[in-house]
């Protein structure tokens, strides 16, 4: 029996329960890693130094890349949401919350079938305001770190796969990754 088909059959047995737009199966070697992504996080992301799910609160870039490399398979999925204007930050954040909740649910399904997994997404949104750095994370087992915090050039990776991003001015696209072994 083809082992590769087995895990795809398992995933496709539950993934259609979720409103995802596209999904792709990757080997970890198909991801594009760069330690330079952390520099972008540090200089351009408003969550840097403000969240337990982002640098510098998470492990070193070398550790994060090594963690990703400990898994054989990667499942990339996207969701889309219609917003009044994709430049409306509040509307995009609300849509992002739906994607993050779906990512948590999908991570749970992967754990049920494959044991330990690593899920990365657009960033943790479990709390209205993160406790970082004054108090411990309120939800460490549910927290989702960002894809970029793990050194992954996600837009380049997804573009190589043929993922759709430009769906119009009123549509935003979100991506998540689930790393797993079969």
Protein backbone atom coordinates (compact mmCIF):
# COMPACT_ATOMS: atom_id res chain seq x y z
CA UNK A 1 0.00 0.00 0.00
CA UNK A 2 1.25 3.51 -0.80
CA UNK A 3 1.98 5.25 2.52
CA UNK A 4 1.82 8.71 0.91
CA UNK A 5 -1.73 8.07 -0.24
CA UNK A 6 -2.71 6.93 3.26
CA UNK A 7 -2.01 10.24 4.94
CA UNK A 8 -3.62 12.17 2.09
CA UNK A 9 -6.73 10.00 2.36
CA UNK A 10 -6.85 10.65 6.11
CA UNK A 11 -6.54 14.41 5.66
CA UNK A 12 -9.01 14.54 2.82
CA UNK A 13 -11.42 12.59 5.02
CA UNK A 14 -11.78 15.63 7.30
CA UNK A 15 -10.36 18.74 5.60
CA UNK A 16 -13.48 19.37 3.52
CA UNK A 17 -15.33 20.00 6.80
CA UNK A 18 -13.64 23.41 6.86
CA UNK A 19 -14.11 26.45 4.62
CA UNK A 20 -10.62 26.40 3.17
CA UNK A 21 -9.90 27.81 -0.25
CA UNK A 22 -6.89 25.74 -1.37
CA UNK A 23 -4.55 23.19 0.12
CA UNK A 24 -1.19 21.71 -0.82
CA UNK A 25 0.97 18.83 0.37
CA UNK A 26 4.67 19.63 0.68
CA UNK A 27 7.81 18.00 1.86
CA UNK A 28 9.69 20.21 4.30
CA UNK A 29 12.41 20.60 1.65
CA UNK A 30 9.90 22.51 -0.52
CA UNK A 31 9.68 25.35 2.01
CA UNK A 32 11.90 28.36 1.50
CA UNK A 33 13.71 29.24 4.72
CA UNK A 34 15.75 32.35 5.45
CA UNK A 35 17.09 33.61 8.74
CA UNK A 36 16.68 37.10 7.27
CA UNK A 37 12.91 36.89 7.83
CA UNK A 38 13.49 37.70 11.49
CA UNK A 39 15.01 41.02 10.44
CA UNK A 40 11.79 41.82 8.61
CA UNK A 41 9.82 40.82 11.74
CA UNK A 42 11.95 43.09 13.88
CA UNK A 43 11.70 46.14 11.64
CA UNK A 44 8.27 45.88 10.02
CA UNK A 45 5.89 43.83 12.15
CA UNK A 46 3.83 45.62 14.81
CA UNK A 47 3.71 42.41 16.91
CA UNK A 48 7.48 42.08 17.33
CA UNK A 49 8.37 42.29 21.04
CA UNK A 50 4.64 42.42 21.90
CA UNK A 51 3.47 38.80 21.73
CA UNK A 52 4.38 35.41 23.18
CA UNK A 53 3.87 34.02 19.66
CA UNK A 54 6.48 36.27 18.04
CA UNK A 55 10.17 37.11 18.37
CA UNK A 56 11.91 37.65 20.68
CA UNK A 57 9.56 35.59 22.93
CA UNK A 58 9.91 32.43 20.83
CA UNK A 59 13.04 30.36 20.35
CA UNK A 60 15.96 31.36 18.15
CA UNK A 61 15.56 31.22 14.38
CA UNK A 62 17.94 28.27 14.24
CA UNK A 63 15.82 26.37 16.77
CA UNK A 64 12.58 27.20 14.93
CA UNK A 65 13.97 26.01 11.59
CA UNK A 66 15.27 22.83 13.23
CA UNK A 67 11.82 22.25 14.75
CA UNK A 68 10.24 22.53 11.29
CA UNK A 69 12.84 20.14 9.87
CA UNK A 70 11.90 17.50 12.46
CA UNK A 71 8.71 16.81 10.49
CA UNK A 72 8.50 14.97 7.16
CA UNK A 73 5.34 16.53 5.77
CA UNK A 74 3.76 19.96 5.54
CA UNK A 75 0.14 20.79 4.80
CA UNK A 76 -0.42 24.34 3.55
CA UNK A 77 -3.94 25.71 3.40
CA UNK A 78 -5.54 29.03 2.65
CA UNK A 79 -8.81 30.66 3.49
CA UNK A 80 -10.35 33.76 2.01
CA UNK A 81 -12.67 36.31 3.49
CA UNK A 82 -14.69 39.09 1.98
CA UNK A 83 -14.17 42.46 3.63
CA UNK A 84 -15.58 45.89 2.73
CA UNK A 85 -12.08 47.05 1.81
CA UNK A 86 -8.86 45.05 2.10
CA UNK A 87 -7.17 48.24 3.35
CA UNK A 88 -9.59 48.28 6.34
CA UNK A 89 -7.31 46.88 9.06
CA UNK A 90 -10.13 46.22 11.57
CA UNK A 91 -12.15 44.22 9.04
CA UNK A 92 -9.08 42.22 8.04
CA UNK A 93 -8.32 41.48 11.72
CA UNK A 94 -11.85 40.20 12.26
CA UNK A 95 -11.51 37.92 9.23
CA UNK A 96 -8.09 36.80 10.49
CA UNK A 97 -9.69 35.65 13.76
CA UNK A 98 -11.91 33.25 11.82
CA UNK A 99 -8.86 31.85 10.02
CA UNK A 100 -6.95 31.41 13.29
CA UNK A 101 -9.88 29.59 14.93
CA UNK A 102 -10.09 27.30 11.91
CA UNK A 103 -6.34 26.67 12.12
CA UNK A 104 -6.71 25.62 15.76
CA UNK A 105 -9.53 23.23 14.84
CA UNK A 106 -7.54 21.76 11.93
CA UNK A 107 -4.45 21.39 14.15
CA UNK A 108 -6.57 19.37 16.59
CA UNK A 109 -7.73 17.06 13.79
CA UNK A 110 -4.13 16.54 12.65
CA UNK A 111 -3.12 15.73 16.25
CA UNK A 112 -5.90 13.13 16.46
CA UNK A 113 -4.50 11.32 13.43
CA UNK A 114 -0.75 12.02 13.48
CA UNK A 115 0.20 12.81 17.08
CA UNK A 116 2.57 15.71 17.60
CA UNK A 117 2.25 18.46 14.99
CA UNK A 118 3.43 22.02 14.57
CA UNK A 119 0.88 24.54 13.32
CA UNK A 120 1.96 27.99 12.18
CA UNK A 121 -0.28 30.73 10.95
CA UNK A 122 -0.70 34.48 10.70
CA UNK A 123 -0.23 34.93 14.44
CA UNK A 124 -1.94 34.36 17.73
CA UNK A 125 -5.23 36.12 18.33
CA UNK A 126 -6.50 34.26 21.38
CA UNK A 127 -6.46 37.29 23.67
CA UNK A 128 -7.56 40.84 23.06
CA UNK A 129 -4.23 41.93 24.53
CA UNK A 130 -1.23 39.64 24.92
CA UNK A 131 0.23 39.29 28.42
CA UNK A 132 3.76 39.58 27.02
CA UNK A 133 6.16 40.42 28.62
CA UNK A 134 4.66 41.10 32.06
CA UNK A 135 2.82 37.82 32.64
CA UNK A 136 3.00 34.27 31.26
CA UNK A 137 0.98 33.35 28.19
CA UNK A 138 -2.62 32.61 29.14
CA UNK A 139 -2.99 29.88 26.48
CA UNK A 140 0.43 28.36 25.72
CA UNK A 141 -1.02 25.09 24.39
CA UNK A 142 -3.27 26.89 21.90
CA UNK A 143 -0.93 29.68 20.86
CA UNK A 144 -0.05 29.82 17.16
CA UNK A 145 3.27 31.33 16.18
CA UNK A 146 3.65 33.07 12.88
CA UNK A 147 4.97 31.34 9.80
CA UNK A 148 7.55 34.08 9.32
CA UNK A 149 8.82 33.78 12.90
CA UNK A 150 10.06 30.32 11.90
CA UNK A 151 12.08 31.74 9.02
CA UNK A 152 9.72 30.67 6.25
CA UNK A 153 9.29 32.85 3.19
CA UNK A 154 5.65 31.87 2.86
CA UNK A 155 4.61 34.05 -0.06
CA UNK A 156 7.50 32.77 -2.19
CA UNK A 157 6.75 29.19 -1.16
CA UNK A 158 3.02 29.51 -1.88
CA UNK A 159 3.67 31.26 -5.20
CA UNK A 160 5.87 28.37 -6.33
CA UNK A 161 2.98 26.04 -5.56
CA UNK A 162 0.56 28.14 -7.60
CA UNK A 163 -1.54 29.34 -4.67
CA UNK A 164 -4.06 32.07 -5.45
CA UNK A 165 -3.64 35.40 -3.67
CA UNK A 166 -5.14 38.06 -5.86
CA UNK A 167 -8.85 37.49 -5.48
CA UNK A 168 -9.93 41.12 -5.73
CA UNK A 169 -10.00 44.29 -3.66
CA UNK A 170 -12.55 43.01 -1.19
CA UNK A 171 -10.96 39.62 -0.56
CA UNK A 172 -8.15 38.80 1.85
CA UNK A 173 -6.24 35.52 1.82
CA UNK A 174 -4.75 33.89 4.93
CA UNK A 175 -2.32 30.97 5.04
CA UNK A 176 -1.45 28.33 7.61
CA UNK A 177 0.98 25.42 7.74
CA UNK A 178 0.68 22.16 9.65
CA UNK A 179 3.86 20.09 10.00
CA UNK A 180 3.36 16.40 10.73
CA UNK A 181 4.84 12.91 10.47
CA UNK A 182 2.88 9.87 9.36
